[in-house]
C-alpha atoms as a PDB file:
ATOM      1  CA  MET A   1      78.595 128.121 139.583  1.00  0.00           C
ATOM      2  CA  SER A   2      77.787 131.610 140.371  1.00  0.00           C
ATOM      3  CA  GLU A   3      77.018 134.226 138.645  1.00  0.00           C
ATOM      4  CA  GLU A   4      77.753 137.471 137.946  1.00  0.00           C
ATOM      5  CA  PRO A   5      75.387 140.318 138.886  1.00  0.00           C
ATOM      6  CA  THR A   6      73.786 141.965 136.013  1.00  0.00           C
ATOM      7  CA  GLY A   7      72.211 144.971 137.407  1.00  0.00           C
ATOM      8  CA  ARG A   8      73.098 148.282 135.944  1.00  0.00           C
ATOM      9  CA  TYR A   9      73.735 149.605 139.779  1.00  0.00           C
ATOM     10  CA  VAL A  10      76.693 149.152 141.565  1.00  0.00           C
ATOM     11  CA  GLU A  11      74.887 150.262 144.708  1.00  0.00           C
ATOM     12  CA  THR A  12      77.063 148.026 146.566  1.00  0.00           C
ATOM     13  CA  ASP A  13      79.813 148.790 145.017  1.00  0.00           C
ATOM     14  CA  LYS A  14      82.621 149.519 148.049  1.00  0.00           C
ATOM     15  CA  VAL A  15      84.748 151.042 145.533  1.00  0.00           C
ATOM     16  CA  ALA A  16      82.475 153.437 144.170  1.00  0.00           C
ATOM     17  CA  LEU A  17      81.248 154.587 147.585  1.00  0.00           C
ATOM     18  CA  GLY A  18      84.782 155.141 148.651  1.00  0.00           C
ATOM     19  CA  VAL A  19      85.111 157.827 146.225  1.00  0.00           C
ATOM     20  CA  TRP A  20      81.656 158.820 147.248  1.00  0.00           C
ATOM     21  CA  LYS A  21      83.310 159.328 150.525  1.00  0.00           C
ATOM     22  CA  ARG A  22      86.470 161.031 149.255  1.00  0.00           C
ATOM     23  CA  LEU A  23      84.501 162.937 147.092  1.00  0.00           C
ATOM     24  CA  THR A  24      82.359 164.382 150.141  1.00  0.00           C
ATOM     25  CA  GLU A  25      85.917 165.216 151.752  1.00  0.00           C
ATOM     26  CA  VAL A  26      86.669 167.004 149.663  1.00  0.00           C
ATOM     27  CA  PHE A  27      83.906 169.078 148.331  1.00  0.00           C
ATOM     28  CA  SER A  28      83.436 169.888 152.240  1.00  0.00           C
ATOM     29  CA  THR A  29      81.350 172.833 153.367  1.00  0.00           C
ATOM     30  CA  SER A  30      84.308 174.052 155.785  1.00  0.00           C
ATOM     31  CA  LYS A  31      86.220 174.013 152.916  1.00  0.00           C
ATOM     32  CA  LEU A  32      83.540 175.956 150.408  1.00  0.00           C
ATOM     33  CA  LEU A  33      83.646 178.556 153.062  1.00  0.00           C
ATOM     34  CA  GLY A  34      87.276 179.134 153.386  1.00  0.00           C
ATOM     35  CA  ARG A  35      87.240 179.144 149.597  1.00  0.00           C
ATOM     36  CA  MET A  36      85.121 182.048 149.541  1.00  0.00           C
ATOM     37  CA  LEU A  37      86.457 184.078 151.798  1.00  0.00           C
ATOM     38  CA  ILE A  38      90.340 183.448 150.601  1.00  0.00           C
ATOM     39  CA  ARG A  39      89.648 183.179 146.823  1.00  0.00           C
ATOM     40  CA  ALA A  40      86.281 183.824 144.841  1.00  0.00           C
ATOM     41  CA  ASN A  41      86.722 181.787 141.611  1.00  0.00           C
ATOM     42  CA  GLY A  42      84.254 179.876 140.658  1.00  0.00           C
ATOM     43  CA  THR A  43      82.050 180.877 143.708  1.00  0.00           C
ATOM     44  CA  TRP A  44      80.083 183.870 142.803  1.00  0.00           C
ATOM     45  CA  PRO A  45      77.043 183.457 140.707  1.00  0.00           C
ATOM     46  CA  PHE A  46      77.735 186.575 138.378  1.00  0.00           C
ATOM     47  CA  ARG A  47      80.472 184.729 136.379  1.00  0.00           C
ATOM     48  CA  LYS A  48      79.602 184.061 132.993  1.00  0.00           C
ATOM     49  CA  ASP A  49      81.053 180.978 132.877  1.00  0.00           C
ATOM     50  CA  ASN A  50      80.957 179.200 136.107  1.00  0.00           C
ATOM     51  CA  LEU A  51      81.709 175.776 135.084  1.00  0.00           C
ATOM     52  CA  GLY A  52      84.983 176.579 133.243  1.00  0.00           C
ATOM     53  CA  GLU A  53      86.001 178.594 136.000  1.00  0.00           C
ATOM     54  CA  MET A  54      85.311 175.202 138.417  1.00  0.00           C
ATOM     55  CA  LEU A  55      87.227 173.121 136.180  1.00  0.00           C
ATOM     56  CA  GLN A  56      90.186 175.214 136.920  1.00  0.00           C
ATOM     57  CA  THR A  57      88.879 174.532 141.085  1.00  0.00           C
ATOM     58  CA  LYS A  58      91.595 172.111 143.274  1.00  0.00           C
ATOM     59  CA  GLN A  59      88.339 170.639 144.579  1.00  0.00           C
ATOM     60  CA  TRP A  60      86.795 169.797 140.612  1.00  0.00           C
ATOM     61  CA  LYS A  61      90.695 168.634 139.314  1.00  0.00           C
ATOM     62  CA  VAL A  62      91.255 166.123 142.360  1.00  0.00           C
ATOM     63  CA  GLY A  63      87.127 165.214 142.088  1.00  0.00           C
ATOM     64  CA  LEU A  64      87.831 164.353 138.496  1.00  0.00           C
ATOM     65  CA  GLY A  65      90.932 162.342 139.142  1.00  0.00           C
ATOM     66  CA  LEU A  66      88.959 160.383 141.964  1.00  0.00           C
ATOM     67  CA  LEU A  67      86.031 159.460 139.074  1.00  0.00           C
ATOM     68  CA  GLY A  68      89.018 158.447 136.620  1.00  0.00           C
ATOM     69  CA  GLY A  69      89.215 154.967 138.136  1.00  0.00           C
ATOM     70  CA  LEU A  70      85.625 154.483 137.942  1.00  0.00           C
ATOM     71  CA  ASP A  71      83.529 152.714 134.963  1.00  0.00           C
ATOM     72  CA  ASP A  72      81.234 154.332 133.305  1.00  0.00           C
ATOM     73  CA  ASN A  73      78.304 152.383 135.557  1.00  0.00           C
ATOM     74  CA  GLN A  74      79.711 153.352 138.623  1.00  0.00           C
ATOM     75  CA  ILE A  75      79.816 156.641 137.503  1.00  0.00           C
ATOM     76  CA  ASP A  76      75.776 156.340 136.685  1.00  0.00           C
ATOM     77  CA  PHE A  77      75.024 154.884 139.933  1.00  0.00           C
ATOM     78  CA  LEU A  78      77.372 157.893 142.035  1.00  0.00           C
ATOM     79  CA  GLU A  79      75.603 160.710 139.511  1.00  0.00           C
ATOM     80  CA  ARG A  80      72.047 159.432 140.855  1.00  0.00           C
ATOM     81  CA  TYR A  81      73.319 158.856 144.421  1.00  0.00           C
ATOM     82  CA  ALA A  82      74.440 162.183 144.112  1.00  0.00           C
ATOM     83  CA  ALA A  83      71.019 163.581 142.759  1.00  0.00           C
ATOM     84  CA  ILE A  84      69.377 161.855 145.697  1.00  0.00           C
ATOM     85  CA  ASN A  85      72.037 163.544 148.194  1.00  0.00           C
ATOM     86  CA  GLU A  86      71.290 167.039 146.930  1.00  0.00           C
ATOM     87  CA  ARG A  87      67.834 166.808 146.985  1.00  0.00           C
ATOM     88  CA  ARG A  88      67.786 165.428 150.586  1.00  0.00           C
ATOM     89  CA  VAL A  89      70.466 168.239 151.561  1.00  0.00           C
ATOM     90  CA  ASP A  90      68.095 171.038 149.785  1.00  0.00           C
ATOM     91  CA  GLN A  91      65.360 169.304 152.110  1.00  0.00           C
ATOM     92  CA  VAL A  92      66.965 169.970 155.200  1.00  0.00           C
ATOM     93  CA  PHE A  93      67.881 173.786 153.807  1.00  0.00           C
ATOM     94  CA  ARG A  94      64.453 174.650 153.445  1.00  0.00           C
ATOM     95  CA  ALA A  95      63.167 172.771 156.367  1.00  0.00           C
ATOM     96  CA  ASN A  96      65.928 174.675 158.694  1.00  0.00           C
ATOM     97  CA  ALA A  97      65.290 177.950 157.015  1.00  0.00           C
ATOM     98  CA  LEU A  98      61.524 177.661 157.746  1.00  0.00           C
ATOM     99  CA  PHE A  99      62.067 176.643 161.044  1.00  0.00           C
ATOM    100  CA  LEU A 100      65.218 178.129 162.327  1.00  0.00           C
ATOM    101  CA  VAL A 101      63.576 181.373 161.108  1.00  0.00           C
ATOM    102  CA  THR A 102      60.486 182.076 160.334  1.00  0.00           C
ATOM    103  CA  ILE A 103      58.908 180.808 163.493  1.00  0.00           C
ATOM    104  CA  PRO A 104      61.532 182.225 166.054  1.00  0.00           C
ATOM    105  CA  VAL A 105      61.031 185.743 164.382  1.00  0.00           C
ATOM    106  CA  GLY A 106      57.177 185.093 164.186  1.00  0.00           C
ATOM    107  CA  ALA A 107      56.863 184.350 167.700  1.00  0.00           C
ATOM    108  CA  LEU A 108      58.955 187.119 168.809  1.00  0.00           C
ATOM    109  CA  ILE A 109      56.420 189.583 166.485  1.00  0.00           C
ATOM    110  CA  GLY A 110      52.814 187.752 167.774  1.00  0.00           C
ATOM    111  CA  ILE A 111      54.546 188.113 171.844  1.00  0.00           C
ATOM    112  CA  ASN A 112      55.213 191.570 170.652  1.00  0.00           C
ATOM    113  CA  GLU A 113      51.802 192.467 169.077  1.00  0.00           C
ATOM    114  CA  VAL A 114      49.738 190.484 172.171  1.00  0.00           C
ATOM    115  CA  VAL A 115      52.152 191.966 175.323  1.00  0.00           C
ATOM    116  CA  PRO A 116      54.117 194.741 174.172  1.00  0.00           C
ATOM    117  CA  GLU A 117      55.123 195.684 177.672  1.00  0.00           C
ATOM    118  CA  LEU A 118      56.355 191.534 178.282  1.00  0.00           C
ATOM    119  CA  PHE A 119      60.055 192.950 176.796  1.00  0.00           C
ATOM    120  CA  GLU A 120      59.785 196.034 178.726  1.00  0.00           C
ATOM    121  CA  LEU A 121      59.537 194.093 182.004  1.00  0.00           C
ATOM    122  CA  VAL A 122      61.955 191.235 181.040  1.00  0.00           C
ATOM    123  CA  GLY A 123      64.552 194.213 180.605  1.00  0.00           C
ATOM    124  CA  VAL A 124      65.427 193.466 177.310  1.00  0.00           C
ATOM    125  CA  ASP A 125      65.110 195.958 174.235  1.00  0.00           C
ATOM    126  CA  PHE A 126      62.380 194.221 171.367  1.00  0.00           C
ATOM    127  CA  VAL A 127      64.747 195.444 168.452  1.00  0.00           C
ATOM    128  CA  TYR A 128      67.906 193.981 169.479  1.00  0.00           C
ATOM    129  CA  THR A 129      66.848 190.483 170.785  1.00  0.00           C
ATOM    130  CA  LEU A 130      65.146 190.550 167.286  1.00  0.00           C
ATOM    131  CA  VAL A 131      68.355 191.425 165.318  1.00  0.00           C
ATOM    132  CA  THR A 132      70.144 188.893 167.625  1.00  0.00           C
ATOM    133  CA  ILE A 133      68.008 186.152 167.178  1.00  0.00           C
ATOM    134  CA  VAL A 134      67.783 186.253 163.480  1.00  0.00           C
ATOM    135  CA  GLY A 135      71.382 187.125 163.334  1.00  0.00           C
ATOM    136  CA  LEU A 136      71.984 184.007 164.782  1.00  0.00           C
ATOM    137  CA  TRP A 137      69.377 182.528 163.071  1.00  0.00           C
ATOM    138  CA  ALA A 138      70.898 183.493 159.773  1.00  0.00           C
ATOM    139  CA  LEU A 139      74.114 181.814 160.909  1.00  0.00           C
ATOM    140  CA  MET A 140      72.681 178.306 161.157  1.00  0.00           C
ATOM    141  CA  VAL A 141      70.607 178.760 157.597  1.00  0.00           C
ATOM    142  CA  GLY A 142      74.004 179.835 155.903  1.00  0.00           C
ATOM    143  CA  ILE A 143      75.702 177.006 157.293  1.00  0.00           C
ATOM    144  CA  THR A 144      72.982 174.473 155.992  1.00  0.00           C
ATOM    145  CA  TYR A 145      72.756 176.568 152.529  1.00  0.00           C
ATOM    146  CA  SER A 146      76.469 176.027 152.216  1.00  0.00           C
ATOM    147  CA  ALA A 147      76.038 172.307 152.606  1.00  0.00           C
ATOM    148  CA  ALA A 148      72.912 172.390 149.872  1.00  0.00           C
ATOM    149  CA  TRP A 149      75.713 174.528 147.870  1.00  0.00           C
ATOM    150  CA  ARG A 150      78.016 172.052 147.841  1.00  0.00           C
ATOM    151  CA  ALA A 151      75.596 168.855 147.372  1.00  0.00           C
ATOM    152  CA  ARG A 152      74.977 170.477 144.125  1.00  0.00           C
ATOM    153  CA  ASP A 153      78.570 171.251 143.292  1.00  0.00           C
ATOM    154  CA  LEU A 154      79.353 167.085 144.250  1.00  0.00           C
ATOM    155  CA  HIS A 155      76.044 166.718 141.653  1.00  0.00           C
ATOM    156  CA  ASP A 156      77.077 168.841 138.926  1.00  0.00           C
ATOM    157  CA  LEU A 157      80.613 167.038 139.472  1.00  0.00           C
ATOM    158  CA  LEU A 158      79.324 163.647 138.502  1.00  0.00           C
ATOM    159  CA  SER A 159      76.963 164.997 135.786  1.00  0.00           C
ATOM    160  CA  PHE A 160      79.587 166.803 133.905  1.00  0.00           C
ATOM    161  CA  GLU A 161      82.050 163.389 134.375  1.00  0.00           C
ATOM    162  CA  GLN A 162      78.673 161.421 132.878  1.00  0.00           C
ATOM    163  CA  ALA A 163      78.552 163.721 129.942  1.00  0.00           C
ATOM    164  CA  ARG A 164      82.473 164.035 129.187  1.00  0.00           C
ATOM    165  CA  ARG A 165      82.030 160.307 129.034  1.00  0.00           C
ATOM    166  CA  ILE A 166      79.327 160.017 126.845  1.00  0.00           C
ATOM    167  CA  ARG A 167      80.671 162.257 124.131  1.00  0.00           C
ATOM    168  CA  GLU A 168      84.194 160.224 124.550  1.00  0.00           C
ATOM    169  CA  ASN A 169      81.822 157.094 124.239  1.00  0.00           C
ATOM    170  CA  GLU A 170      80.208 158.657 120.949  1.00  0.00           C
ATOM    171  CA  ARG A 171      83.897 159.416 119.624  1.00  0.00           C
ATOM    172  CA  VAL A 172      85.012 155.683 120.157  1.00  0.00           C
ATOM    173  CA  ASP A 173      81.935 154.162 118.659  1.00  0.00           C
ATOM    174  CA  SER A 174      81.919 156.238 115.506  1.00  0.00           C
ATOM    175  CA  PRO A 175      84.278 154.906 112.378  1.00  0.00           C
END
């Protein structure tokens, strides 16, 4: 007789990971950028109730619908999975911010200090070159920041669902 696994987490659960894959499609970075341009609902930090506004967005409604078919253990697993994912995406963002902005700008300024006539010899204006490089690199960093934002959104969604279920279970358990 084979026994069922007794572990709390279901890291090999194809259903949970399938829901994760669908959630990452719903919470894609490109959809965030589009939503920020078209509709600012829930995306700006100066709102007093971001969570209430997020609950009204299409992404959260679809996300909560996808999570509705999972059990508590699967939600616990996905919440922790999302937390790990969020940390990793944030680390990539920070590394990109460091390497894609700090190093090129530092190199340009250093070259200008050591050999100030180099830009003139090459026929390029230092300020124009600096602004162009900073602009391009800032765009790249902005895209990685958007990915980090979406990873936080996913983690927040799963944390919310986990908290909601804890409250629901408390009501069911109490007489």
